[in-house]
Amino acid sequence: SVADRVVKGERALLVAEEEGVVVGSVQLILDQPENQPHRADLSK
């Protein structure tokens, strides 16, 4: 579900990799109400 939102541009997904394996992640929820275009939520 997150991957679908990433492709749509609704979320940014960042990952940390060590030796080519994901060991961390964080998301930015970019899709906000029209009166809050300047804001994002940091999630997970």
PDB file of all heavy atoms in Angstrom:
ATOM      1  N   SER A   1       0.831  -1.199   0.000  1.00  0.00           N
ATOM      2  CA  SER A   1       0.000   0.000   0.000  1.00  0.00           C
ATOM      3  C   SER A   1       0.874   1.262   0.000  1.00  0.00           C
ATOM      4  O   SER A   1       0.603   2.223  -0.731  1.00  0.00           O
ATOM      5  CB  SER A   1      -0.919  -0.011   1.222  1.00  0.00           C
ATOM      6  OG  SER A   1      -1.623   1.191   1.329  1.00  0.00           O
ATOM      7  N   VAL A   2       1.922   1.257   0.804  1.00  0.00           N
ATOM      8  CA  VAL A   2       2.859   2.387   0.819  1.00  0.00           C
ATOM      9  C   VAL A   2       3.493   2.536  -0.561  1.00  0.00           C
ATOM     10  O   VAL A   2       3.604   3.650  -1.092  1.00  0.00           O
ATOM     11  CB  VAL A   2       3.939   2.202   1.909  1.00  0.00           C
ATOM     12  CG1 VAL A   2       5.058   3.227   1.753  1.00  0.00           C
ATOM     13  CG2 VAL A   2       3.319   2.285   3.294  1.00  0.00           C
ATOM     14  N   ALA A   3       3.895   1.420  -1.162  1.00  0.00           N
ATOM     15  CA  ALA A   3       4.520   1.456  -2.489  1.00  0.00           C
ATOM     16  C   ALA A   3       3.600   2.111  -3.513  1.00  0.00           C
ATOM     17  O   ALA A   3       4.063   2.897  -4.352  1.00  0.00           O
ATOM     18  CB  ALA A   3       4.904   0.049  -2.927  1.00  0.00           C
ATOM     19  N   ASP A   4       2.311   1.821  -3.451  1.00  0.00           N
ATOM     20  CA  ASP A   4       1.349   2.453  -4.355  1.00  0.00           C
ATOM     21  C   ASP A   4       1.317   3.962  -4.152  1.00  0.00           C
ATOM     22  O   ASP A   4       1.271   4.732  -5.116  1.00  0.00           O
ATOM     23  CB  ASP A   4      -0.063   1.883  -4.136  1.00  0.00           C
ATOM     24  CG  ASP A   4      -0.218   0.457  -4.645  1.00  0.00           C
ATOM     25  OD1 ASP A   4       0.628   0.005  -5.453  1.00  0.00           O
ATOM     26  OD2 ASP A   4      -1.190  -0.200  -4.222  1.00  0.00           O
ATOM     27  N   ARG A   5       1.353   4.396  -2.908  1.00  0.00           N
ATOM     28  CA  ARG A   5       1.319   5.836  -2.604  1.00  0.00           C
ATOM     29  C   ARG A   5       2.621   6.529  -3.018  1.00  0.00           C
ATOM     30  O   ARG A   5       2.614   7.706  -3.385  1.00  0.00           O
ATOM     31  CB  ARG A   5       1.045   6.045  -1.125  1.00  0.00           C
ATOM     32  CG  ARG A   5      -0.385   5.668  -0.750  1.00  0.00           C
ATOM     33  CD  ARG A   5      -0.648   5.914   0.732  1.00  0.00           C
ATOM     34  NE  ARG A   5      -2.018   5.621   1.058  1.00  0.00           N
ATOM     35  CZ  ARG A   5      -2.414   4.524   1.692  1.00  0.00           C
ATOM     36  NH1 ARG A   5      -1.533   3.617   2.088  1.00  0.00           N
ATOM     37  NH2 ARG A   5      -3.702   4.333   1.953  1.00  0.00           N
ATOM     38  N   VAL A   6       3.722   5.800  -2.958  1.00  0.00           N
ATOM     39  CA  VAL A   6       5.008   6.345  -3.402  1.00  0.00           C
ATOM     40  C   VAL A   6       4.950   6.627  -4.904  1.00  0.00           C
ATOM     41  O   VAL A   6       5.328   7.711  -5.360  1.00  0.00           O
ATOM     42  CB  VAL A   6       6.167   5.380  -3.057  1.00  0.00           C
ATOM     43  CG1 VAL A   6       7.442   5.753  -3.790  1.00  0.00           C
ATOM     44  CG2 VAL A   6       6.402   5.359  -1.545  1.00  0.00           C
ATOM     45  N   VAL A   7       4.476   5.664  -5.669  1.00  0.00           N
ATOM     46  CA  VAL A   7       4.388   5.830  -7.119  1.00  0.00           C
ATOM     47  C   VAL A   7       3.466   6.991  -7.484  1.00  0.00           C
ATOM     48  O   VAL A   7       3.729   7.733  -8.431  1.00  0.00           O
ATOM     49  CB  VAL A   7       3.921   4.512  -7.788  1.00  0.00           C
ATOM     50  CG1 VAL A   7       3.577   4.716  -9.249  1.00  0.00           C
ATOM     51  CG2 VAL A   7       4.996   3.443  -7.641  1.00  0.00           C
ATOM     52  N   LYS A   8       2.407   7.190  -6.716  1.00  0.00           N
ATOM     53  CA  LYS A   8       1.452   8.280  -6.969  1.00  0.00           C
ATOM     54  C   LYS A   8       1.988   9.643  -6.516  1.00  0.00           C
ATOM     55  O   LYS A   8       1.352  10.666  -6.752  1.00  0.00           O
ATOM     56  CB  LYS A   8       0.130   8.006  -6.254  1.00  0.00           C
ATOM     57  CG  LYS A   8      -0.640   6.839  -6.826  1.00  0.00           C
ATOM     58  CD  LYS A   8      -1.897   6.582  -6.002  1.00  0.00           C
ATOM     59  CE  LYS A   8      -2.627   5.347  -6.504  1.00  0.00           C
ATOM     60  NZ  LYS A   8      -3.752   5.000  -5.615  1.00  0.00           N
ATOM     61  N   GLY A   9       3.128   9.650  -5.809  1.00  0.00           N
ATOM     62  CA  GLY A   9       3.692  10.900  -5.326  1.00  0.00           C
ATOM     63  C   GLY A   9       3.059  11.403  -4.044  1.00  0.00           C
ATOM     64  O   GLY A   9       3.326  12.520  -3.616  1.00  0.00           O
ATOM     65  N   GLU A  10       2.235  10.580  -3.417  1.00  0.00           N
ATOM     66  CA  GLU A  10       1.581  10.975  -2.171  1.00  0.00           C
ATOM     67  C   GLU A  10       2.506  10.839  -0.963  1.00  0.00           C
ATOM     68  O   GLU A  10       2.283  11.474   0.068  1.00  0.00           O
ATOM     69  CB  GLU A  10       0.331  10.115  -1.948  1.00  0.00           C
ATOM     70  CG  GLU A  10      -0.718  10.296  -3.008  1.00  0.00           C
ATOM     71  CD  GLU A  10      -1.857   9.297  -2.920  1.00  0.00           C
ATOM     72  OE1 GLU A  10      -1.804   8.368  -2.061  1.00  0.00           O
ATOM     73  OE2 GLU A  10      -2.789   9.429  -3.707  1.00  0.00           O
ATOM     74  N   ARG A  11       3.511   9.980  -1.102  1.00  0.00           N
ATOM     75  CA  ARG A  11       4.475   9.746  -0.021  1.00  0.00           C
ATOM     76  C   ARG A  11       5.877   9.688  -0.586  1.00  0.00           C
ATOM     77  O   ARG A  11       6.083   9.256  -1.713  1.00  0.00           O
ATOM     78  CB  ARG A  11       4.207   8.408   0.685  1.00  0.00           C
ATOM     79  CG  ARG A  11       2.971   8.429   1.526  1.00  0.00           C
ATOM     80  CD  ARG A  11       2.837   7.189   2.356  1.00  0.00           C
ATOM     81  NE  ARG A  11       1.536   7.251   3.016  1.00  0.00           N
ATOM     82  CZ  ARG A  11       1.305   6.864   4.237  1.00  0.00           C
ATOM     83  NH1 ARG A  11       2.277   6.325   4.949  1.00  0.00           N
ATOM     84  NH2 ARG A  11       0.109   6.964   4.761  1.00  0.00           N
ATOM     85  N   ALA A  12       6.807  10.098   0.235  1.00  0.00           N
ATOM     86  CA  ALA A  12       8.219   9.880  -0.063  1.00  0.00           C
ATOM     87  C   ALA A  12       8.681   8.785   0.896  1.00  0.00           C
ATOM     88  O   ALA A  12       8.369   8.825   2.086  1.00  0.00           O
ATOM     89  CB  ALA A  12       9.026  11.148   0.153  1.00  0.00           C
ATOM     90  N   LEU A  13       9.389   7.806   0.368  1.00  0.00           N
ATOM     91  CA  LEU A  13       9.904   6.699   1.174  1.00  0.00           C
ATOM     92  C   LEU A  13      11.415   6.704   1.074  1.00  0.00           C
ATOM     93  O   LEU A  13      11.973   6.647  -0.027  1.00  0.00           O
ATOM     94  CB  LEU A  13       9.344   5.366   0.680  1.00  0.00           C
ATOM     95  CG  LEU A  13       9.897   4.107   1.326  1.00  0.00           C
ATOM     96  CD1 LEU A  13       9.637   4.081   2.831  1.00  0.00           C
ATOM     97  CD2 LEU A  13       9.311   2.860   0.657  1.00  0.00           C
ATOM     98  N   LEU A  14      12.047   6.802   2.230  1.00  0.00           N
ATOM     99  CA  LEU A  14      13.498   6.734   2.298  1.00  0.00           C
ATOM    100  C   LEU A  14      13.892   5.470   3.035  1.00  0.00           C
ATOM    101  O   LEU A  14      13.237   5.101   4.021  1.00  0.00           O
ATOM    102  CB  LEU A  14      14.069   7.950   3.027  1.00  0.00           C
ATOM    103  CG  LEU A  14      13.878   9.264   2.294  1.00  0.00           C
ATOM    104  CD1 LEU A  14      12.584   9.922   2.729  1.00  0.00           C
ATOM    105  CD2 LEU A  14      15.053  10.167   2.545  1.00  0.00           C
ATOM    106  N   VAL A  15      14.940   4.830   2.547  1.00  0.00           N
ATOM    107  CA  VAL A  15      15.424   3.622   3.204  1.00  0.00           C
ATOM    108  C   VAL A  15      16.908   3.758   3.506  1.00  0.00           C
ATOM    109  O   VAL A  15      17.635   4.448   2.796  1.00  0.00           O
ATOM    110  CB  VAL A  15      15.171   2.341   2.360  1.00  0.00           C
ATOM    111  CG1 VAL A  15      13.688   2.100   2.173  1.00  0.00           C
ATOM    112  CG2 VAL A  15      15.887   2.395   1.024  1.00  0.00           C
ATOM    113  N   ALA A  16      17.310   3.098   4.573  1.00  0.00           N
ATOM    114  CA  ALA A  16      18.719   2.965   4.923  1.00  0.00           C
ATOM    115  C   ALA A  16      19.099   1.519   4.630  1.00  0.00           C
ATOM    116  O   ALA A  16      18.388   0.598   5.042  1.00  0.00           O
ATOM    117  CB  ALA A  16      18.942   3.278   6.397  1.00  0.00           C
ATOM    118  N   GLU A  17      20.179   1.350   3.904  1.00  0.00           N
ATOM    119  CA  GLU A  17      20.662   0.005   3.584  1.00  0.00           C
ATOM    120  C   GLU A  17      22.069  -0.185   4.131  1.00  0.00           C
ATOM    121  O   GLU A  17      22.878   0.744   4.105  1.00  0.00           O
ATOM    122  CB  GLU A  17      20.692  -0.208   2.071  1.00  0.00           C
ATOM    123  CG  GLU A  17      19.334  -0.185   1.417  1.00  0.00           C
ATOM    124  CD  GLU A  17      19.417  -0.371  -0.086  1.00  0.00           C
ATOM    125  OE1 GLU A  17      20.461  -0.008  -0.688  1.00  0.00           O
ATOM    126  OE2 GLU A  17      18.443  -0.868  -0.662  1.00  0.00           O
ATOM    127  N   GLU A  18      22.313  -1.374   4.627  1.00  0.00           N
ATOM    128  CA  GLU A  18      23.653  -1.802   5.018  1.00  0.00           C
ATOM    129  C   GLU A  18      23.925  -3.096   4.272  1.00  0.00           C
ATOM    130  O   GLU A  18      23.108  -4.033   4.322  1.00  0.00           O
ATOM    131  CB  GLU A  18      23.749  -2.034   6.526  1.00  0.00           C
ATOM    132  CG  GLU A  18      23.704  -0.748   7.330  1.00  0.00           C
ATOM    133  CD  GLU A  18      23.844  -0.975   8.829  1.00  0.00           C
ATOM    134  OE1 GLU A  18      23.858  -2.143   9.278  1.00  0.00           O
ATOM    135  OE2 GLU A  18      23.916   0.021   9.557  1.00  0.00           O
ATOM    136  N   GLU A  19      25.025  -3.114   3.560  1.00  0.00           N
ATOM    137  CA  GLU A  19      25.394  -4.279   2.759  1.00  0.00           C
ATOM    138  C   GLU A  19      24.250  -4.712   1.845  1.00  0.00           C
ATOM    139  O   GLU A  19      23.985  -5.892   1.656  1.00  0.00           O
ATOM    140  CB  GLU A  19      25.865  -5.420   3.659  1.00  0.00           C
ATOM    141  CG  GLU A  19      27.098  -5.045   4.466  1.00  0.00           C
ATOM    142  CD  GLU A  19      27.560  -6.146   5.398  1.00  0.00           C
ATOM    143  OE1 GLU A  19      27.079  -7.294   5.295  1.00  0.00           O
ATOM    144  OE2 GLU A  19      28.419  -5.850   6.245  1.00  0.00           O
ATOM    145  N   GLY A  20      23.555  -3.711   1.280  1.00  0.00           N
ATOM    146  CA  GLY A  20      22.504  -3.975   0.316  1.00  0.00           C
ATOM    147  C   GLY A  20      21.177  -4.440   0.876  1.00  0.00           C
ATOM    148  O   GLY A  20      20.266  -4.780   0.126  1.00  0.00           O
ATOM    149  N   VAL A  21      21.033  -4.430   2.213  1.00  0.00           N
ATOM    150  CA  VAL A  21      19.796  -4.881   2.858  1.00  0.00           C
ATOM    151  C   VAL A  21      19.181  -3.710   3.624  1.00  0.00           C
ATOM    152  O   VAL A  21      19.884  -2.973   4.317  1.00  0.00           O
ATOM    153  CB  VAL A  21      20.064  -6.060   3.820  1.00  0.00           C
ATOM    154  CG1 VAL A  21      18.800  -6.477   4.552  1.00  0.00           C
ATOM    155  CG2 VAL A  21      20.654  -7.236   3.061  1.00  0.00           C
ATOM    156  N   VAL A  22      17.870  -3.550   3.517  1.00  0.00           N
ATOM    157  CA  VAL A  22      17.168  -2.472   4.208  1.00  0.00           C
ATOM    158  C   VAL A  22      17.217  -2.703   5.717  1.00  0.00           C
ATOM    159  O   VAL A  22      16.826  -3.761   6.208  1.00  0.00           O
ATOM    160  CB  VAL A  22      15.696  -2.385   3.736  1.00  0.00           C
ATOM    161  CG1 VAL A  22      14.916  -1.385   4.578  1.00  0.00           C
ATOM    162  CG2 VAL A  22      15.621  -1.997   2.263  1.00  0.00           C
ATOM    163  N   VAL A  23      17.722  -1.690   6.436  1.00  0.00           N
ATOM    164  CA  VAL A  23      17.776  -1.753   7.907  1.00  0.00           C
ATOM    165  C   VAL A  23      17.029  -0.599   8.567  1.00  0.00           C
ATOM    166  O   VAL A  23      16.940  -0.539   9.788  1.00  0.00           O
ATOM    167  CB  VAL A  23      19.231  -1.797   8.430  1.00  0.00           C
ATOM    168  CG1 VAL A  23      19.941  -3.063   7.979  1.00  0.00           C
ATOM    169  CG2 VAL A  23      19.989  -0.539   8.032  1.00  0.00           C
ATOM    170  N   GLY A  24      16.498   0.302   7.745  1.00  0.00           N
ATOM    171  CA  GLY A  24      15.750   1.418   8.293  1.00  0.00           C
ATOM    172  C   GLY A  24      14.909   2.074   7.224  1.00  0.00           C
ATOM    173  O   GLY A  24      15.178   1.930   6.031  1.00  0.00           O
ATOM    174  N   SER A  25      13.883   2.792   7.673  1.00  0.00           N
ATOM    175  CA  SER A  25      13.038   3.516   6.726  1.00  0.00           C
ATOM    176  C   SER A  25      12.322   4.658   7.439  1.00  0.00           C
ATOM    177  O   SER A  25      12.175   4.654   8.662  1.00  0.00           O
ATOM    178  CB  SER A  25      12.009   2.591   6.071  1.00  0.00           C
ATOM    179  OG  SER A  25      11.022   2.205   6.998  1.00  0.00           O
ATOM    180  N   VAL A  26      11.886   5.608   6.650  1.00  0.00           N
ATOM    181  CA  VAL A  26      11.040   6.689   7.130  1.00  0.00           C
ATOM    182  C   VAL A  26      10.208   7.165   5.949  1.00  0.00           C
ATOM    183  O   VAL A  26      10.637   7.062   4.797  1.00  0.00           O
ATOM    184  CB  VAL A  26      11.866   7.843   7.752  1.00  0.00           C
ATOM    185  CG1 VAL A  26      12.688   8.581   6.721  1.00  0.00           C
ATOM    186  CG2 VAL A  26      10.968   8.796   8.524  1.00  0.00           C
ATOM    187  N   GLN A  27       9.017   7.657   6.250  1.00  0.00           N
ATOM    188  CA  GLN A  27       8.129   8.152   5.208  1.00  0.00           C
ATOM    189  C   GLN A  27       7.786   9.608   5.470  1.00  0.00           C
ATOM    190  O   GLN A  27       7.705  10.041   6.613  1.00  0.00           O
ATOM    191  CB  GLN A  27       6.819   7.365   5.201  1.00  0.00           C
ATOM    192  CG  GLN A  27       6.980   5.894   4.935  1.00  0.00           C
ATOM    193  CD  GLN A  27       5.671   5.167   5.119  1.00  0.00           C
ATOM    194  OE1 GLN A  27       4.650   5.579   4.580  1.00  0.00           O
ATOM    195  NE2 GLN A  27       5.700   4.086   5.878  1.00  0.00           N
ATOM    196  N   LEU A  28       7.557  10.323   4.386  1.00  0.00           N
ATOM    197  CA  LEU A  28       6.990  11.663   4.442  1.00  0.00           C
ATOM    198  C   LEU A  28       5.633  11.593   3.756  1.00  0.00           C
ATOM    199  O   LEU A  28       5.545  11.196   2.592  1.00  0.00           O
ATOM    200  CB  LEU A  28       7.871  12.667   3.697  1.00  0.00           C
ATOM    201  CG  LEU A  28       9.161  13.083   4.373  1.00  0.00           C
ATOM    202  CD1 LEU A  28      10.024  13.884   3.407  1.00  0.00           C
ATOM    203  CD2 LEU A  28       8.880  13.886   5.628  1.00  0.00           C
ATOM    204  N   ILE A  29       4.599  11.946   4.473  1.00  0.00           N
ATOM    205  CA  ILE A  29       3.267  11.995   3.883  1.00  0.00           C
ATOM    206  C   ILE A  29       3.140  13.382   3.265  1.00  0.00           C
ATOM    207  O   ILE A  29       2.993  14.386   3.970  1.00  0.00           O
ATOM    208  CB  ILE A  29       2.173  11.711   4.928  1.00  0.00           C
ATOM    209  CG1 ILE A  29       2.411  10.334   5.539  1.00  0.00           C
ATOM    210  CG2 ILE A  29       0.790  11.802   4.291  1.00  0.00           C
ATOM    211  CD1 ILE A  29       1.510  10.002   6.712  1.00  0.00           C
ATOM    212  N   LEU A  30       3.247  13.421   1.945  1.00  0.00           N
ATOM    213  CA  LEU A  30       3.273  14.680   1.204  1.00  0.00           C
ATOM    214  C   LEU A  30       1.877  15.173   0.856  1.00  0.00           C
ATOM    215  O   LEU A  30       1.653  16.371   0.718  1.00  0.00           O
ATOM    216  CB  LEU A  30       4.092  14.506  -0.079  1.00  0.00           C
ATOM    217  CG  LEU A  30       5.540  14.040   0.119  1.00  0.00           C
ATOM    218  CD1 LEU A  30       6.155  13.669  -1.217  1.00  0.00           C
ATOM    219  CD2 LEU A  30       6.351  15.104   0.832  1.00  0.00           C
ATOM    220  N   ASP A  31       0.954  14.258   0.684  1.00  0.00           N
ATOM    221  CA  ASP A  31      -0.409  14.580   0.271  1.00  0.00           C
ATOM    222  C   ASP A  31      -1.179  15.130   1.470  1.00  0.00           C
ATOM    223  O   ASP A  31      -1.616  14.378   2.335  1.00  0.00           O
ATOM    224  CB  ASP A  31      -1.084  13.326  -0.289  1.00  0.00           C
ATOM    225  CG  ASP A  31      -2.437  13.616  -0.890  1.00  0.00           C
ATOM    226  OD1 ASP A  31      -2.644  14.723  -1.416  1.00  0.00           O
ATOM    227  OD2 ASP A  31      -3.308  12.716  -0.841  1.00  0.00           O
ATOM    228  N   GLN A  32      -1.319  16.454   1.509  1.00  0.00           N
ATOM    229  CA  GLN A  32      -1.960  17.134   2.630  1.00  0.00           C
ATOM    230  C   GLN A  32      -3.176  17.915   2.131  1.00  0.00           C
ATOM    231  O   GLN A  32      -3.316  18.150   0.934  1.00  0.00           O
ATOM    232  CB  GLN A  32      -0.967  18.089   3.303  1.00  0.00           C
ATOM    233  CG  GLN A  32       0.240  17.398   3.906  1.00  0.00           C
ATOM    234  CD  GLN A  32      -0.104  16.522   5.087  1.00  0.00           C
ATOM    235  OE1 GLN A  32      -1.042  16.776   5.830  1.00  0.00           O
ATOM    236  NE2 GLN A  32       0.662  15.464   5.285  1.00  0.00           N
ATOM    237  N   PRO A  33      -4.046  18.342   3.042  1.00  0.00           N
ATOM    238  CA  PRO A  33      -5.197  19.152   2.629  1.00  0.00           C
ATOM    239  C   PRO A  33      -4.745  20.418   1.888  1.00  0.00           C
ATOM    240  O   PRO A  33      -3.616  20.895   2.075  1.00  0.00           O
ATOM    241  CB  PRO A  33      -5.873  19.514   3.962  1.00  0.00           C
ATOM    242  CG  PRO A  33      -5.412  18.467   4.920  1.00  0.00           C
ATOM    243  CD  PRO A  33      -4.026  18.085   4.482  1.00  0.00           C
ATOM    244  N   GLU A  34      -5.630  20.976   1.082  1.00  0.00           N
ATOM    245  CA  GLU A  34      -5.256  22.115   0.235  1.00  0.00           C
ATOM    246  C   GLU A  34      -4.820  23.345   1.025  1.00  0.00           C
ATOM    247  O   GLU A  34      -4.084  24.175   0.499  1.00  0.00           O
ATOM    248  CB  GLU A  34      -6.379  22.468  -0.737  1.00  0.00           C
ATOM    249  CG  GLU A  34      -7.638  23.026  -0.097  1.00  0.00           C
ATOM    250  CD  GLU A  34      -8.709  23.345  -1.126  1.00  0.00           C
ATOM    251  OE1 GLU A  34      -9.160  22.426  -1.832  1.00  0.00           O
ATOM    252  OE2 GLU A  34      -9.091  24.521  -1.203  1.00  0.00           O
ATOM    253  N   ASN A  35      -5.225  23.451   2.292  1.00  0.00           N
ATOM    254  CA  ASN A  35      -4.796  24.605   3.082  1.00  0.00           C
ATOM    255  C   ASN A  35      -3.488  24.342   3.834  1.00  0.00           C
ATOM    256  O   ASN A  35      -3.062  25.159   4.641  1.00  0.00           O
ATOM    257  CB  ASN A  35      -5.898  25.047   4.055  1.00  0.00           C
ATOM    258  CG  ASN A  35      -6.129  24.063   5.176  1.00  0.00           C
ATOM    259  OD1 ASN A  35      -5.818  22.877   5.058  1.00  0.00           O
ATOM    260  ND2 ASN A  35      -6.687  24.543   6.270  1.00  0.00           N
ATOM    261  N   GLN A  36      -2.845  23.208   3.547  1.00  0.00           N
ATOM    262  CA  GLN A  36      -1.584  22.869   4.215  1.00  0.00           C
ATOM    263  C   GLN A  36      -0.534  22.358   3.210  1.00  0.00           C
ATOM    264  O   GLN A  36       0.141  21.347   3.464  1.00  0.00           O
ATOM    265  CB  GLN A  36      -1.843  21.811   5.282  1.00  0.00           C
ATOM    266  CG  GLN A  36      -2.803  22.292   6.359  1.00  0.00           C
ATOM    267  CD  GLN A  36      -3.245  21.165   7.261  1.00  0.00           C
ATOM    268  OE1 GLN A  36      -2.460  20.333   7.694  1.00  0.00           O
ATOM    269  NE2 GLN A  36      -4.534  21.136   7.566  1.00  0.00           N
ATOM    270  N   PRO A  37      -0.376  23.040   2.082  1.00  0.00           N
ATOM    271  CA  PRO A  37       0.565  22.545   1.071  1.00  0.00           C
ATOM    272  C   PRO A  37       2.025  22.643   1.507  1.00  0.00           C
ATOM    273  O   PRO A  37       2.890  22.010   0.911  1.00  0.00           O
ATOM    274  CB  PRO A  37       0.296  23.456  -0.135  1.00  0.00           C
ATOM    275  CG  PRO A  37      -0.154  24.740   0.486  1.00  0.00           C
ATOM    276  CD  PRO A  37      -0.982  24.307   1.683  1.00  0.00           C
ATOM    277  N   HIS A  38       2.288  23.409   2.546  1.00  0.00           N
ATOM    278  CA  HIS A  38       3.644  23.639   3.036  1.00  0.00           C
ATOM    279  C   HIS A  38       4.097  22.588   4.048  1.00  0.00           C
ATOM    280  O   HIS A  38       5.232  22.605   4.498  1.00  0.00           O
ATOM    281  CB  HIS A  38       3.704  25.016   3.708  1.00  0.00           C
ATOM    282  CG  HIS A  38       2.781  25.119   4.885  1.00  0.00           C
ATOM    283  ND1 HIS A  38       1.408  25.141   4.740  1.00  0.00           N
ATOM    284  CD2 HIS A  38       3.027  25.163   6.215  1.00  0.00           C
ATOM    285  CE1 HIS A  38       0.849  25.216   5.944  1.00  0.00           C
ATOM    286  NE2 HIS A  38       1.809  25.231   6.855  1.00  0.00           N
ATOM    287  N   ARG A  39       3.222  21.644   4.387  1.00  0.00           N
ATOM    288  CA  ARG A  39       3.467  20.721   5.490  1.00  0.00           C
ATOM    289  C   ARG A  39       3.554  19.281   5.000  1.00  0.00           C
ATOM    290  O   ARG A  39       2.929  18.903   4.033  1.00  0.00           O
ATOM    291  CB  ARG A  39       2.312  20.842   6.488  1.00  0.00           C
ATOM    292  CG  ARG A  39       2.451  19.944   7.698  1.00  0.00           C
ATOM    293  CD  ARG A  39       1.350  20.218   8.700  1.00  0.00           C
ATOM    294  NE  ARG A  39       0.056  19.699   8.316  1.00  0.00           N
ATOM    295  CZ  ARG A  39      -0.315  18.423   8.431  1.00  0.00           C
ATOM    296  NH1 ARG A  39       0.530  17.523   8.889  1.00  0.00           N
ATOM    297  NH2 ARG A  39      -1.520  18.051   8.089  1.00  0.00           N
ATOM    298  N   ALA A  40       4.316  18.472   5.733  1.00  0.00           N
ATOM    299  CA  ALA A  40       4.347  17.020   5.538  1.00  0.00           C
ATOM    300  C   ALA A  40       4.412  16.362   6.910  1.00  0.00           C
ATOM    301  O   ALA A  40       4.920  16.949   7.875  1.00  0.00           O
ATOM    302  CB  ALA A  40       5.547  16.591   4.699  1.00  0.00           C
ATOM    303  N   ASP A  41       3.888  15.163   6.995  1.00  0.00           N
ATOM    304  CA  ASP A  41       3.976  14.375   8.228  1.00  0.00           C
ATOM    305  C   ASP A  41       5.101  13.366   8.084  1.00  0.00           C
ATOM    306  O   ASP A  41       5.183  12.660   7.076  1.00  0.00           O
ATOM    307  CB  ASP A  41       2.679  13.602   8.480  1.00  0.00           C
ATOM    308  CG  ASP A  41       1.504  14.504   8.797  1.00  0.00           C
ATOM    309  OD1 ASP A  41       1.714  15.678   9.118  1.00  0.00           O
ATOM    310  OD2 ASP A  41       0.358  14.018   8.714  1.00  0.00           O
ATOM    311  N   LEU A  42       5.966  13.305   9.085  1.00  0.00           N
ATOM    312  CA  LEU A  42       6.995  12.275   9.129  1.00  0.00           C
ATOM    313  C   LEU A  42       6.366  11.060   9.790  1.00  0.00           C
ATOM    314  O   LEU A  42       5.749  11.180  10.847  1.00  0.00           O
ATOM    315  CB  LEU A  42       8.192  12.759   9.945  1.00  0.00           C
ATOM    316  CG  LEU A  42       9.405  11.869   9.822  1.00  0.00           C
ATOM    317  CD1 LEU A  42      10.442  12.567   8.951  1.00  0.00           C
ATOM    318  CD2 LEU A  42       9.988  11.570  11.172  1.00  0.00           C
ATOM    319  N   SER A  43       6.494   9.904   9.161  1.00  0.00           N
ATOM    320  CA  SER A  43       5.770   8.725   9.626  1.00  0.00           C
ATOM    321  C   SER A  43       6.633   7.470   9.569  1.00  0.00           C
ATOM    322  O   SER A  43       7.487   7.334   8.692  1.00  0.00           O
ATOM    323  CB  SER A  43       4.535   8.547   8.728  1.00  0.00           C
ATOM    324  OG  SER A  43       3.814   7.402   9.073  1.00  0.00           O
ATOM    325  N   LYS A  44       6.354   6.582  10.487  1.00  0.00           N
ATOM    326  CA  LYS A  44       6.950   5.239  10.515  1.00  0.00           C
ATOM    327  C   LYS A  44       8.471   5.254  10.369  1.00  0.00           C
ATOM    328  O   LYS A  44       9.037   4.602   9.511  1.00  0.00           O
ATOM    329  CB  LYS A  44       6.344   4.344   9.429  1.00  0.00           C
ATOM    330  CG  LYS A  44       4.858   4.126   9.535  1.00  0.00           C
ATOM    331  CD  LYS A  44       4.511   3.155  10.639  1.00  0.00           C
ATOM    332  CE  LYS A  44       3.047   2.818  10.668  1.00  0.00           C
ATOM    333  NZ  LYS A  44       2.189   3.910  11.140  1.00  0.00           N
TER     334      LYS A  44
END
